Amino acid sequence: MEGIKPFEFKQCVSIIKATGRKAGDIQALRNIMAEVSDESIFHHTCQYFLKGHFLEYTNEFAQWAGEGLEESALSERLSNIDPYGYKNISDLRSELLNVLDICISSLPKTRKAVAGGEFYFNETITFTFHIGLKVKNLAEFLLAVKYVESAVIYYHFYEARIRLGVDDFSAWIEQTFDKKKLADRIRGIDPFMHSIEGIREHIVEALEEEIKKDMEAISG
């Protein structure tokens, strides 16, 4: 295994900080969204998947529109936004605001949230650290993926898309072992259709099948 760059697992931990700002209707949501920090937009969109998200939504703005305001059309439009499909938070914010502006202009009157059901803007301070686990082959990688914390899966599968445009797992597999089909299979797992544990299961399944195939090729 000389020359193989090991995969080093990392984990992120987030500290949530209240901004003190809240919205009771779509117009207020739009106005505050335009002013809050990038860390707040990141928290309510990209880190939504770290919280055990509802699969019908892709961010907390969409969830609040659907459940807090019962604006199903707006909720669907907000959920169609891929938070990892933008180069930076500024572009993501612009798209969110665009969807809200279209909704506001098309509705004669928007609903208000009930008292206590307002949208509370928070922001995140995120710390990333090594967990002291390195692997050099697919068997070790499989074992690690099975047992690492869910925050590790989140960091390498979701957060990596902001850094690299793809997840860390498939990038390492393709670059290290030239297993493009396996990398494409992992890369093709839809982040919006599965929970973090569901994603873990799909990755484990793909790795187990690949390792079995390699073992059969050696013994055969």
C-alpha atoms as a PDB file:
ATOM      1  CA  MET A   1       0.000   0.000   0.000  1.00  0.00           C
ATOM      2  CA  GLU A   2       2.994   2.304  -0.453  1.00  0.00           C
ATOM      3  CA  GLY A   3       2.105   5.592  -2.096  1.00  0.00           C
ATOM      4  CA  ILE A   4      -1.593   5.423  -1.225  1.00  0.00           C
ATOM      5  CA  LYS A   5      -2.879   8.586   0.353  1.00  0.00           C
ATOM      6  CA  PRO A   6      -5.003   7.537   3.329  1.00  0.00           C
ATOM      7  CA  PHE A   7      -8.497   8.839   3.852  1.00  0.00           C
ATOM      8  CA  GLU A   8      -8.597  10.823   7.075  1.00  0.00           C
ATOM      9  CA  PHE A   9     -12.006  11.143   8.694  1.00  0.00           C
ATOM     10  CA  LYS A  10     -13.088  14.465  10.112  1.00  0.00           C
ATOM     11  CA  GLN A  11     -16.089  15.645  12.062  1.00  0.00           C
ATOM     12  CA  CYS A  12     -17.802  18.976  12.443  1.00  0.00           C
ATOM     13  CA  VAL A  13     -19.446  20.333  15.559  1.00  0.00           C
ATOM     14  CA  SER A  14     -21.754  23.318  15.417  1.00  0.00           C
ATOM     15  CA  ILE A  15     -22.637  25.841  18.084  1.00  0.00           C
ATOM     16  CA  ILE A  16     -25.958  27.548  17.413  1.00  0.00           C
ATOM     17  CA  LYS A  17     -26.206  31.244  18.151  1.00  0.00           C
ATOM     18  CA  ALA A  18     -29.512  33.123  18.207  1.00  0.00           C
ATOM     19  CA  THR A  19     -29.664  36.316  16.151  1.00  0.00           C
ATOM     20  CA  GLY A  20     -32.627  37.729  18.040  1.00  0.00           C
ATOM     21  CA  ARG A  21     -34.561  38.172  14.801  1.00  0.00           C
ATOM     22  CA  LYS A  22     -37.808  36.475  13.845  1.00  0.00           C
ATOM     23  CA  ALA A  23     -40.333  36.573  11.003  1.00  0.00           C
ATOM     24  CA  GLY A  24     -44.081  36.120  11.226  1.00  0.00           C
ATOM     25  CA  ASP A  25     -44.902  36.253   7.528  1.00  0.00           C
ATOM     26  CA  ILE A  26     -43.272  35.910   4.113  1.00  0.00           C
ATOM     27  CA  GLN A  27     -42.474  39.612   3.733  1.00  0.00           C
ATOM     28  CA  ALA A  28     -40.683  39.696   7.072  1.00  0.00           C
ATOM     29  CA  LEU A  29     -38.876  36.476   6.192  1.00  0.00           C
ATOM     30  CA  ARG A  30     -37.689  38.054   2.962  1.00  0.00           C
ATOM     31  CA  ASN A  31     -36.564  41.302   4.598  1.00  0.00           C
ATOM     32  CA  ILE A  32     -34.609  39.633   7.374  1.00  0.00           C
ATOM     33  CA  MET A  33     -33.136  37.014   5.035  1.00  0.00           C
ATOM     34  CA  ALA A  34     -31.631  39.836   2.990  1.00  0.00           C
ATOM     35  CA  GLU A  35     -29.844  41.213   6.055  1.00  0.00           C
ATOM     36  CA  VAL A  36     -28.678  38.277   8.196  1.00  0.00           C
ATOM     37  CA  SER A  37     -25.165  36.878   8.020  1.00  0.00           C
ATOM     38  CA  ASP A  38     -23.978  34.216   5.604  1.00  0.00           C
ATOM     39  CA  GLU A  39     -23.586  31.960   8.651  1.00  0.00           C
ATOM     40  CA  SER A  40     -27.333  32.227   9.264  1.00  0.00           C
ATOM     41  CA  ILE A  41     -28.237  31.296   5.685  1.00  0.00           C
ATOM     42  CA  PHE A  42     -25.758  28.420   5.861  1.00  0.00           C
ATOM     43  CA  HIS A  43     -27.294  27.188   9.110  1.00  0.00           C
ATOM     44  CA  HIS A  44     -30.859  27.128   7.801  1.00  0.00           C
ATOM     45  CA  THR A  45     -29.973  25.534   4.454  1.00  0.00           C
ATOM     46  CA  CYS A  46     -26.739  23.564   4.209  1.00  0.00           C
ATOM     47  CA  GLN A  47     -26.821  22.340   7.803  1.00  0.00           C
ATOM     48  CA  TYR A  48     -30.466  21.314   7.619  1.00  0.00           C
ATOM     49  CA  PHE A  49     -29.355  17.777   6.813  1.00  0.00           C
ATOM     50  CA  LEU A  50     -27.335  17.523   9.999  1.00  0.00           C
ATOM     51  CA  LYS A  51     -30.484  17.778  12.076  1.00  0.00           C
ATOM     52  CA  GLY A  52     -32.400  14.698  10.967  1.00  0.00           C
ATOM     53  CA  HIS A  53     -34.373  16.567   8.335  1.00  0.00           C
ATOM     54  CA  PHE A  54     -37.852  15.925   7.022  1.00  0.00           C
ATOM     55  CA  LEU A  55     -37.377  14.385   3.598  1.00  0.00           C
ATOM     56  CA  GLU A  56     -40.091  16.513   1.974  1.00  0.00           C
ATOM     57  CA  TYR A  57     -38.046  19.662   2.612  1.00  0.00           C
ATOM     58  CA  THR A  58     -34.470  20.666   1.792  1.00  0.00           C
ATOM     59  CA  ASN A  59     -34.102  23.646   4.116  1.00  0.00           C
ATOM     60  CA  GLU A  60     -35.724  25.233   7.171  1.00  0.00           C
ATOM     61  CA  PHE A  61     -37.238  28.087   5.162  1.00  0.00           C
ATOM     62  CA  ALA A  62     -39.191  25.564   3.093  1.00  0.00           C
ATOM     63  CA  GLN A  63     -40.236  23.645   6.200  1.00  0.00           C
ATOM     64  CA  TRP A  64     -41.539  26.787   7.903  1.00  0.00           C
ATOM     65  CA  ALA A  65     -43.390  27.912   4.769  1.00  0.00           C
ATOM     66  CA  GLY A  66     -45.070  24.521   4.549  1.00  0.00           C
ATOM     67  CA  GLU A  67     -45.819  23.873   8.207  1.00  0.00           C
ATOM     68  CA  GLY A  68     -45.803  27.299   9.834  1.00  0.00           C
ATOM     69  CA  LEU A  69     -47.646  29.203   7.115  1.00  0.00           C
ATOM     70  CA  GLU A  70     -49.261  26.342   5.161  1.00  0.00           C
ATOM     71  CA  GLU A  71     -48.003  27.899   1.939  1.00  0.00           C
ATOM     72  CA  SER A  72     -47.462  24.635   0.061  1.00  0.00           C
ATOM     73  CA  ALA A  73     -46.583  26.189  -3.311  1.00  0.00           C
ATOM     74  CA  LEU A  74     -43.891  28.383  -1.763  1.00  0.00           C
ATOM     75  CA  SER A  75     -42.605  25.478   0.311  1.00  0.00           C
ATOM     76  CA  GLU A  76     -42.214  23.369  -2.812  1.00  0.00           C
ATOM     77  CA  ARG A  77     -40.365  26.113  -4.674  1.00  0.00           C
ATOM     78  CA  LEU A  78     -37.987  26.662  -1.783  1.00  0.00           C
ATOM     79  CA  SER A  79     -37.419  22.911  -1.501  1.00  0.00           C
ATOM     80  CA  ASN A  80     -36.454  22.778  -5.171  1.00  0.00           C
ATOM     81  CA  ILE A  81     -33.385  24.872  -4.365  1.00  0.00           C
ATOM     82  CA  ASP A  82     -30.238  22.774  -3.988  1.00  0.00           C
ATOM     83  CA  PRO A  83     -28.154  24.576  -1.339  1.00  0.00           C
ATOM     84  CA  TYR A  84     -25.044  22.786  -2.587  1.00  0.00           C
ATOM     85  CA  GLY A  85     -25.579  23.855  -6.176  1.00  0.00           C
ATOM     86  CA  TYR A  86     -24.217  27.375  -5.669  1.00  0.00           C
ATOM     87  CA  LYS A  87     -20.634  28.605  -5.589  1.00  0.00           C
ATOM     88  CA  ASN A  88     -21.186  30.689  -2.496  1.00  0.00           C
ATOM     89  CA  ILE A  89     -23.800  31.625   0.092  1.00  0.00           C
ATOM     90  CA  SER A  90     -24.403  34.973  -1.614  1.00  0.00           C
ATOM     91  CA  ASP A  91     -25.674  33.246  -4.758  1.00  0.00           C
ATOM     92  CA  LEU A  92     -27.814  30.893  -2.662  1.00  0.00           C
ATOM     93  CA  ARG A  93     -29.281  33.842  -0.760  1.00  0.00           C
ATOM     94  CA  SER A  94     -30.104  35.585  -4.042  1.00  0.00           C
ATOM     95  CA  GLU A  95     -32.043  32.581  -5.300  1.00  0.00           C
ATOM     96  CA  LEU A  96     -33.959  32.249  -2.038  1.00  0.00           C
ATOM     97  CA  LEU A  97     -34.870  35.940  -2.185  1.00  0.00           C
ATOM     98  CA  ASN A  98     -35.915  35.609  -5.817  1.00  0.00           C
ATOM     99  CA  VAL A  99     -38.347  32.808  -4.951  1.00  0.00           C
ATOM    100  CA  LEU A 100     -39.777  34.844  -2.074  1.00  0.00           C
ATOM    101  CA  ASP A 101     -40.145  37.957  -4.252  1.00  0.00           C
ATOM    102  CA  ILE A 102     -42.073  35.992  -6.881  1.00  0.00           C
ATOM    103  CA  CYS A 103     -44.353  34.585  -4.205  1.00  0.00           C
ATOM    104  CA  ILE A 104     -44.975  37.971  -2.596  1.00  0.00           C
ATOM    105  CA  SER A 105     -45.811  39.599  -5.935  1.00  0.00           C
ATOM    106  CA  SER A 106     -48.235  36.827  -6.906  1.00  0.00           C
ATOM    107  CA  LEU A 107     -50.178  36.598  -3.652  1.00  0.00           C
ATOM    108  CA  PRO A 108     -52.727  39.314  -2.795  1.00  0.00           C
ATOM    109  CA  LYS A 109     -52.362  38.475   0.880  1.00  0.00           C
ATOM    110  CA  THR A 110     -49.951  36.209   2.703  1.00  0.00           C
ATOM    111  CA  ARG A 111     -50.646  34.209   5.835  1.00  0.00           C
ATOM    112  CA  LYS A 112     -49.215  35.079   9.221  1.00  0.00           C
ATOM    113  CA  ALA A 113     -47.765  32.541  11.619  1.00  0.00           C
ATOM    114  CA  VAL A 114     -49.577  31.930  14.874  1.00  0.00           C
ATOM    115  CA  ALA A 115     -48.024  33.394  18.013  1.00  0.00           C
ATOM    116  CA  GLY A 116     -45.003  31.301  18.938  1.00  0.00           C
ATOM    117  CA  GLY A 117     -44.783  29.850  15.448  1.00  0.00           C
ATOM    118  CA  GLU A 118     -42.589  32.564  13.940  1.00  0.00           C
ATOM    119  CA  PHE A 119     -39.381  31.757  12.082  1.00  0.00           C
ATOM    120  CA  TYR A 120     -36.414  32.345  14.375  1.00  0.00           C
ATOM    121  CA  PHE A 121     -33.167  33.155  12.612  1.00  0.00           C
ATOM    122  CA  ASN A 122     -30.096  31.492  14.068  1.00  0.00           C
ATOM    123  CA  GLU A 123     -26.537  31.205  12.890  1.00  0.00           C
ATOM    124  CA  THR A 124     -23.862  28.588  13.316  1.00  0.00           C
ATOM    125  CA  ILE A 125     -20.279  28.620  14.456  1.00  0.00           C
ATOM    126  CA  THR A 126     -18.765  25.406  13.092  1.00  0.00           C
ATOM    127  CA  PHE A 127     -15.606  23.680  14.245  1.00  0.00           C
ATOM    128  CA  THR A 128     -13.973  20.912  12.208  1.00  0.00           C
ATOM    129  CA  PHE A 129     -11.498  18.466  13.683  1.00  0.00           C
ATOM    130  CA  HIS A 130      -9.748  15.177  12.918  1.00  0.00           C
ATOM    131  CA  ILE A 131     -11.157  12.173  14.771  1.00  0.00           C
ATOM    132  CA  GLY A 132      -7.884  10.231  14.640  1.00  0.00           C
ATOM    133  CA  LEU A 133      -9.005   7.684  12.053  1.00  0.00           C
ATOM    134  CA  LYS A 134      -7.167   7.018   8.792  1.00  0.00           C
ATOM    135  CA  VAL A 135      -7.788   4.189   6.302  1.00  0.00           C
ATOM    136  CA  LYS A 136      -5.809   2.975   3.304  1.00  0.00           C
ATOM    137  CA  ASN A 137      -8.038   0.390   1.628  1.00  0.00           C
ATOM    138  CA  LEU A 138     -11.713  -0.236   0.929  1.00  0.00           C
ATOM    139  CA  ALA A 139     -12.105  -2.851   3.689  1.00  0.00           C
ATOM    140  CA  GLU A 140     -10.873  -0.401   6.319  1.00  0.00           C
ATOM    141  CA  PHE A 141     -12.949   2.329   4.728  1.00  0.00           C
ATOM    142  CA  LEU A 142     -16.096   0.180   4.889  1.00  0.00           C
ATOM    143  CA  LEU A 143     -15.584  -0.602   8.562  1.00  0.00           C
ATOM    144  CA  ALA A 144     -15.061   3.062   9.377  1.00  0.00           C
ATOM    145  CA  VAL A 145     -18.135   4.249   7.464  1.00  0.00           C
ATOM    146  CA  LYS A 146     -20.252   1.713   9.352  1.00  0.00           C
ATOM    147  CA  TYR A 147     -19.364   3.061  12.779  1.00  0.00           C
ATOM    148  CA  VAL A 148     -18.358   6.729  12.606  1.00  0.00           C
ATOM    149  CA  GLU A 149     -20.690   9.363  14.021  1.00  0.00           C
ATOM    150  CA  SER A 150     -23.402  10.766  11.763  1.00  0.00           C
ATOM    151  CA  ALA A 151     -21.680  14.184  11.913  1.00  0.00           C
ATOM    152  CA  VAL A 152     -18.703  12.571  10.151  1.00  0.00           C
ATOM    153  CA  ILE A 153     -20.924  11.329   7.329  1.00  0.00           C
ATOM    154  CA  TYR A 154     -22.475  14.786   7.091  1.00  0.00           C
ATOM    155  CA  TYR A 155     -19.104  16.512   6.859  1.00  0.00           C
ATOM    156  CA  HIS A 156     -17.726  14.260   4.126  1.00  0.00           C
ATOM    157  CA  PHE A 157     -20.919  13.750   2.112  1.00  0.00           C
ATOM    158  CA  TYR A 158     -22.795  17.051   2.409  1.00  0.00           C
ATOM    159  CA  GLU A 159     -20.397  19.762   3.516  1.00  0.00           C
ATOM    160  CA  ALA A 160     -17.740  18.567   1.067  1.00  0.00           C
ATOM    161  CA  ARG A 161     -20.019  19.573  -1.794  1.00  0.00           C
ATOM    162  CA  ILE A 162     -19.457  23.183  -0.814  1.00  0.00           C
ATOM    163  CA  ARG A 163     -15.670  22.714  -0.748  1.00  0.00           C
ATOM    164  CA  LEU A 164     -15.217  20.382  -3.729  1.00  0.00           C
ATOM    165  CA  GLY A 165     -18.471  20.212  -5.637  1.00  0.00           C
ATOM    166  CA  VAL A 166     -18.566  16.461  -4.862  1.00  0.00           C
ATOM    167  CA  ASP A 167     -18.439  14.356  -1.710  1.00  0.00           C
ATOM    168  CA  ASP A 168     -15.090  13.407  -0.156  1.00  0.00           C
ATOM    169  CA  PHE A 169     -15.819   9.669  -0.254  1.00  0.00           C
ATOM    170  CA  SER A 170     -16.280   9.295  -4.000  1.00  0.00           C
ATOM    171  CA  ALA A 171     -13.436  11.725  -4.738  1.00  0.00           C
ATOM    172  CA  TRP A 172     -10.976   9.647  -2.681  1.00  0.00           C
ATOM    173  CA  ILE A 173     -12.135   6.339  -4.157  1.00  0.00           C
ATOM    174  CA  GLU A 174     -11.808   7.570  -7.717  1.00  0.00           C
ATOM    175  CA  GLN A 175      -8.478   9.320  -7.218  1.00  0.00           C
ATOM    176  CA  THR A 176      -6.886   6.572  -5.114  1.00  0.00           C
ATOM    177  CA  PHE A 177      -8.191   3.354  -6.653  1.00  0.00           C
ATOM    178  CA  ASP A 178      -9.426   4.526 -10.060  1.00  0.00           C
ATOM    179  CA  LYS A 179     -12.791   2.912  -9.338  1.00  0.00           C
ATOM    180  CA  LYS A 180     -14.952   5.300 -11.311  1.00  0.00           C
ATOM    181  CA  LYS A 181     -18.091   3.143 -11.300  1.00  0.00           C
ATOM    182  CA  LEU A 182     -18.029   2.835  -7.526  1.00  0.00           C
ATOM    183  CA  ALA A 183     -17.305   6.545  -7.174  1.00  0.00           C
ATOM    184  CA  ASP A 184     -20.173   7.400  -9.520  1.00  0.00           C
ATOM    185  CA  ARG A 185     -22.510   5.143  -7.569  1.00  0.00           C
ATOM    186  CA  ILE A 186     -21.718   6.886  -4.286  1.00  0.00           C
ATOM    187  CA  ARG A 187     -21.770  10.284  -5.963  1.00  0.00           C
ATOM    188  CA  GLY A 188     -25.178   9.452  -7.386  1.00  0.00           C
ATOM    189  CA  ILE A 189     -26.827   8.960  -3.999  1.00  0.00           C
ATOM    190  CA  ASP A 190     -29.465  11.683  -3.803  1.00  0.00           C
ATOM    191  CA  PRO A 191     -28.782  13.788  -0.679  1.00  0.00           C
ATOM    192  CA  PHE A 192     -32.377  15.010  -0.637  1.00  0.00           C
ATOM    193  CA  MET A 193     -34.028  11.591  -0.710  1.00  0.00           C
ATOM    194  CA  HIS A 194     -32.276  10.044   2.289  1.00  0.00           C
ATOM    195  CA  SER A 195     -31.443  10.800   5.878  1.00  0.00           C
ATOM    196  CA  ILE A 196     -27.785  10.705   6.904  1.00  0.00           C
ATOM    197  CA  GLU A 197     -28.292   7.135   8.124  1.00  0.00           C
ATOM    198  CA  GLY A 198     -29.936   6.248   4.830  1.00  0.00           C
ATOM    199  CA  ILE A 199     -26.929   7.623   2.979  1.00  0.00           C
ATOM    200  CA  ARG A 200     -24.615   5.622   5.227  1.00  0.00           C
ATOM    201  CA  GLU A 201     -26.551   2.447   4.362  1.00  0.00           C
ATOM    202  CA  HIS A 202     -26.279   3.087   0.623  1.00  0.00           C
ATOM    203  CA  ILE A 203     -22.535   3.750   0.863  1.00  0.00           C
ATOM    204  CA  VAL A 204     -22.022   0.578   2.915  1.00  0.00           C
ATOM    205  CA  GLU A 205     -24.024  -1.452   0.398  1.00  0.00           C
ATOM    206  CA  ALA A 206     -21.969  -0.128  -2.515  1.00  0.00           C
ATOM    207  CA  LEU A 207     -18.678  -0.808  -0.716  1.00  0.00           C
ATOM    208  CA  GLU A 208     -19.682  -4.334   0.322  1.00  0.00           C
ATOM    209  CA  GLU A 209     -20.619  -5.243  -3.241  1.00  0.00           C
ATOM    210  CA  GLU A 210     -17.375  -3.797  -4.595  1.00  0.00           C
ATOM    211  CA  ILE A 211     -15.215  -5.616  -2.036  1.00  0.00           C
ATOM    212  CA  LYS A 212     -17.063  -8.882  -2.723  1.00  0.00           C
ATOM    213  CA  LYS A 213     -16.466  -8.447  -6.443  1.00  0.00           C
ATOM    214  CA  ASP A 214     -12.748  -7.798  -5.851  1.00  0.00           C
ATOM    215  CA  MET A 215     -12.449 -10.902  -3.658  1.00  0.00           C
ATOM    216  CA  GLU A 216     -14.174 -13.074  -6.268  1.00  0.00           C
ATOM    217  CA  ALA A 217     -11.827 -11.751  -8.941  1.00  0.00           C
ATOM    218  CA  ILE A 218      -8.815 -12.678  -6.815  1.00  0.00           C
ATOM    219  CA  SER A 219     -10.061 -16.169  -5.902  1.00  0.00           C
ATOM    220  CA  GLY A 220     -11.399 -16.889  -9.364  1.00  0.00           C
END
